[in-house]
Amino acid sequence: MRFPAPWCGWPPTIKFRVIGTDPDDNAFTDWAIAAHADYVISDDRHFAPLADAGYKAQPIRPLDFIERYRNLYL
């Protein structure tokens, strides 16, 4: 059962509908796009369409993210 969280605007009011194969994933892409996030970190292959959708947020696998930013704060 899902409960709305009014302090964070859940469910998202902006619907971009980027993910066609798994519509439940759209909530995550909607948030990432609306927040101007750089990445959606996930191993879920359903996020692949986000890469070519023209938005700032890009899908990246967790290990690729770690590798990219491993030495950033050392």
C-alpha atoms as a PDB file:
ATOM      1  CA  MET A   1       0.000   0.000   0.000  1.00  0.00           C
ATOM      2  CA  ARG A   2       1.328   3.436  -0.910  1.00  0.00           C
ATOM      3  CA  PHE A   3       0.730   6.501   1.168  1.00  0.00           C
ATOM      4  CA  PRO A   4       1.164   9.998  -0.220  1.00  0.00           C
ATOM      5  CA  ALA A   5       3.954  12.044   1.293  1.00  0.00           C
ATOM      6  CA  PRO A   6       2.724  15.638   1.049  1.00  0.00           C
ATOM      7  CA  TRP A   7       6.078  17.154   2.056  1.00  0.00           C
ATOM      8  CA  CYS A   8       7.791  15.786  -1.033  1.00  0.00           C
ATOM      9  CA  GLY A   9       5.011  16.023  -3.602  1.00  0.00           C
ATOM     10  CA  TRP A  10       4.423  12.305  -3.941  1.00  0.00           C
ATOM     11  CA  PRO A  11       3.118  11.174  -6.301  1.00  0.00           C
ATOM     12  CA  PRO A  12       4.951  13.437  -8.739  1.00  0.00           C
ATOM     13  CA  THR A  13       2.650  15.935 -10.393  1.00  0.00           C
ATOM     14  CA  ILE A  14       4.789  16.271 -13.523  1.00  0.00           C
ATOM     15  CA  LYS A  15       4.550  13.232 -15.802  1.00  0.00           C
ATOM     16  CA  PHE A  16       7.212  12.836 -18.491  1.00  0.00           C
ATOM     17  CA  ARG A  17       6.366   9.197 -19.334  1.00  0.00           C
ATOM     18  CA  VAL A  18       9.855   8.307 -20.546  1.00  0.00           C
ATOM     19  CA  ILE A  19       9.709   4.611 -19.601  1.00  0.00           C
ATOM     20  CA  GLY A  20       7.244   2.617 -21.674  1.00  0.00           C
ATOM     21  CA  THR A  21       8.212  -0.929 -20.734  1.00  0.00           C
ATOM     22  CA  ASP A  22       7.833  -0.535 -16.957  1.00  0.00           C
ATOM     23  CA  PRO A  23       5.520   2.392 -16.157  1.00  0.00           C
ATOM     24  CA  ASP A  24       6.236   2.166 -12.407  1.00  0.00           C
ATOM     25  CA  ASP A  25       9.781   3.368 -13.153  1.00  0.00           C
ATOM     26  CA  ASN A  26       8.407   6.635 -14.509  1.00  0.00           C
ATOM     27  CA  ALA A  27       8.023   7.995 -10.979  1.00  0.00           C
ATOM     28  CA  PHE A  28      11.810   7.852 -10.592  1.00  0.00           C
ATOM     29  CA  THR A  29      12.496   9.446 -13.960  1.00  0.00           C
ATOM     30  CA  ASP A  30       9.863  12.126 -13.299  1.00  0.00           C
ATOM     31  CA  TRP A  31      11.623  13.075 -10.054  1.00  0.00           C
ATOM     32  CA  ALA A  32      15.082  13.002 -11.630  1.00  0.00           C
ATOM     33  CA  ILE A  33      14.027  15.179 -14.561  1.00  0.00           C
ATOM     34  CA  ALA A  34      12.111  17.656 -12.382  1.00  0.00           C
ATOM     35  CA  ALA A  35      15.060  17.922  -9.967  1.00  0.00           C
ATOM     36  CA  HIS A  36      17.573  18.393 -12.808  1.00  0.00           C
ATOM     37  CA  ALA A  37      19.493  15.396 -11.495  1.00  0.00           C
ATOM     38  CA  ASP A  38      22.614  14.320 -13.316  1.00  0.00           C
ATOM     39  CA  TYR A  39      21.942  10.602 -12.960  1.00  0.00           C
ATOM     40  CA  VAL A  40      19.438   7.889 -12.165  1.00  0.00           C
ATOM     41  CA  ILE A  41      21.595   5.217 -10.556  1.00  0.00           C
ATOM     42  CA  SER A  42      20.168   1.796 -11.287  1.00  0.00           C
ATOM     43  CA  ASP A  43      20.941  -1.609 -12.757  1.00  0.00           C
ATOM     44  CA  ASP A  44      17.381  -1.717 -14.120  1.00  0.00           C
ATOM     45  CA  ARG A  45      17.563  -1.919 -17.919  1.00  0.00           C
ATOM     46  CA  HIS A  46      14.167  -0.218 -18.210  1.00  0.00           C
ATOM     47  CA  PHE A  47      15.860   3.148 -17.599  1.00  0.00           C
ATOM     48  CA  ALA A  48      17.785   2.915 -20.904  1.00  0.00           C
ATOM     49  CA  PRO A  49      15.282   5.116 -22.838  1.00  0.00           C
ATOM     50  CA  LEU A  50      16.175   7.988 -20.518  1.00  0.00           C
ATOM     51  CA  ALA A  51      19.610   8.210 -22.179  1.00  0.00           C
ATOM     52  CA  ASP A  52      18.089   9.355 -25.481  1.00  0.00           C
ATOM     53  CA  ALA A  53      15.112  11.303 -24.138  1.00  0.00           C
ATOM     54  CA  GLY A  54      16.850  14.687 -24.210  1.00  0.00           C
ATOM     55  CA  TYR A  55      16.801  15.350 -20.461  1.00  0.00           C
ATOM     56  CA  LYS A  56      19.780  16.078 -18.197  1.00  0.00           C
ATOM     57  CA  ALA A  57      19.281  12.990 -16.024  1.00  0.00           C
ATOM     58  CA  GLN A  58      21.065   9.981 -17.471  1.00  0.00           C
ATOM     59  CA  PRO A  59      20.895   6.342 -16.410  1.00  0.00           C
ATOM     60  CA  ILE A  60      24.091   4.939 -14.956  1.00  0.00           C
ATOM     61  CA  ARG A  61      24.843   1.605 -13.343  1.00  0.00           C
ATOM     62  CA  PRO A  62      25.983   1.753  -9.685  1.00  0.00           C
ATOM     63  CA  LEU A  63      29.422   0.339 -10.415  1.00  0.00           C
ATOM     64  CA  ASP A  64      29.939   2.777 -13.285  1.00  0.00           C
ATOM     65  CA  PHE A  65      28.952   5.653 -11.008  1.00  0.00           C
ATOM     66  CA  ILE A  66      31.394   4.516  -8.328  1.00  0.00           C
ATOM     67  CA  GLU A  67      34.171   4.133 -10.871  1.00  0.00           C
ATOM     68  CA  ARG A  68      33.512   7.581 -12.311  1.00  0.00           C
ATOM     69  CA  TYR A  69      33.532   9.348  -8.946  1.00  0.00           C
ATOM     70  CA  ARG A  70      35.777   7.080  -6.866  1.00  0.00           C
ATOM     71  CA  ASN A  71      38.642   9.547  -6.442  1.00  0.00           C
ATOM     72  CA  LEU A  72      36.625  12.736  -6.408  1.00  0.00           C
ATOM     73  CA  TYR A  73      36.885  13.336  -2.647  1.00  0.00           C
ATOM     74  CA  LEU A  74      40.142  11.602  -1.803  1.00  0.00           C
END
